[in-house]
Protein backbone atom coordinates (compact mmCIF):
# COMPACT_ATOMS: atom_id res chain seq x y z
CA MET A 1 -16.46 -55.31 -68.06
CA SER A 2 -19.30 -57.82 -68.31
CA VAL A 3 -21.95 -58.31 -65.67
CA HIS A 4 -22.35 -61.92 -64.56
CA THR A 5 -25.96 -63.06 -64.57
CA PRO A 6 -26.51 -66.17 -62.46
CA ARG A 7 -27.79 -69.14 -64.44
CA ARG A 8 -31.09 -70.73 -63.48
CA VAL A 9 -31.37 -74.45 -62.96
CA ALA A 10 -34.22 -76.74 -61.93
CA VAL A 11 -33.48 -79.54 -59.49
CA ALA A 12 -35.75 -82.54 -59.03
CA VAL A 13 -36.54 -82.39 -55.32
CA SER A 14 -37.89 -85.36 -53.43
CA GLY A 15 -37.26 -84.03 -49.95
CA GLY A 16 -34.45 -86.52 -49.43
CA LEU A 17 -30.76 -86.05 -48.76
CA ASP A 18 -29.54 -86.44 -52.36
CA SER A 19 -31.72 -83.71 -53.81
CA ALA A 20 -30.99 -81.44 -50.82
CA VAL A 21 -27.24 -81.74 -51.30
CA ALA A 22 -27.50 -81.23 -55.06
CA ALA A 23 -29.58 -78.07 -54.61
CA ALA A 24 -27.31 -76.69 -51.88
CA LEU A 25 -24.15 -77.32 -53.92
CA LEU A 26 -25.64 -75.57 -56.94
CA GLN A 27 -26.63 -72.61 -54.78
CA GLU A 28 -23.08 -72.40 -53.41
CA GLN A 29 -21.78 -72.26 -56.99
CA GLY A 30 -23.96 -69.24 -57.70
CA TYR A 31 -26.85 -70.86 -59.57
CA ARG A 32 -30.42 -69.63 -59.14
CA VAL A 33 -31.99 -72.94 -58.14
CA GLU A 34 -35.67 -73.84 -58.40
CA GLY A 35 -37.01 -77.07 -56.94
CA VAL A 36 -39.46 -79.19 -58.90
CA THR A 37 -41.36 -82.32 -57.91
CA MET A 38 -43.04 -84.50 -60.51
CA HIS A 39 -46.39 -85.87 -59.43
CA LEU A 40 -46.88 -89.33 -61.00
CA TRP A 41 -49.26 -90.99 -58.58
CA SER A 42 -52.88 -90.88 -57.52
CA GLU A 43 -54.21 -87.88 -55.58
CA ARG A 44 -55.66 -90.32 -53.04
CA ASP A 45 -52.24 -91.75 -52.20
CA ALA A 46 -51.22 -90.46 -48.73
CA THR A 47 -47.56 -91.01 -49.60
CA ALA A 48 -47.89 -88.50 -52.46
CA ALA A 49 -48.96 -85.73 -50.11
CA GLU A 50 -46.13 -86.54 -47.69
CA THR A 51 -43.54 -86.57 -50.48
CA ILE A 52 -44.69 -83.23 -51.86
CA ALA A 53 -44.81 -81.69 -48.38
CA SER A 54 -41.30 -82.94 -47.67
CA ALA A 55 -40.00 -81.51 -50.95
CA ARG A 56 -41.74 -78.18 -50.32
CA ASN A 57 -40.27 -77.98 -46.79
CA LEU A 58 -36.80 -78.73 -48.12
CA CYS A 59 -37.10 -75.91 -50.66
CA ARG A 60 -38.39 -73.53 -47.99
CA THR A 61 -35.42 -74.40 -45.76
CA LEU A 62 -32.97 -73.71 -48.60
CA GLY A 63 -34.82 -70.56 -49.65
CA LEU A 64 -35.78 -71.97 -53.05
CA PRO A 65 -38.99 -71.58 -55.01
CA HIS A 66 -40.80 -74.92 -55.41
């Protein structure tokens, strides 16, 4: 008998509905999901901090590392 090891997958997380649903569906299917957010803008951009905070909160809610 073989032991099933869950596969790991990274999901691009923006904090929005699409990435939340994708991550949740993968979790339901038994994947070990990790959220990632690509930072492509200036540190001084207030929107950048909000986007990252939103993505981090989403991951926390789903119990995912970010």
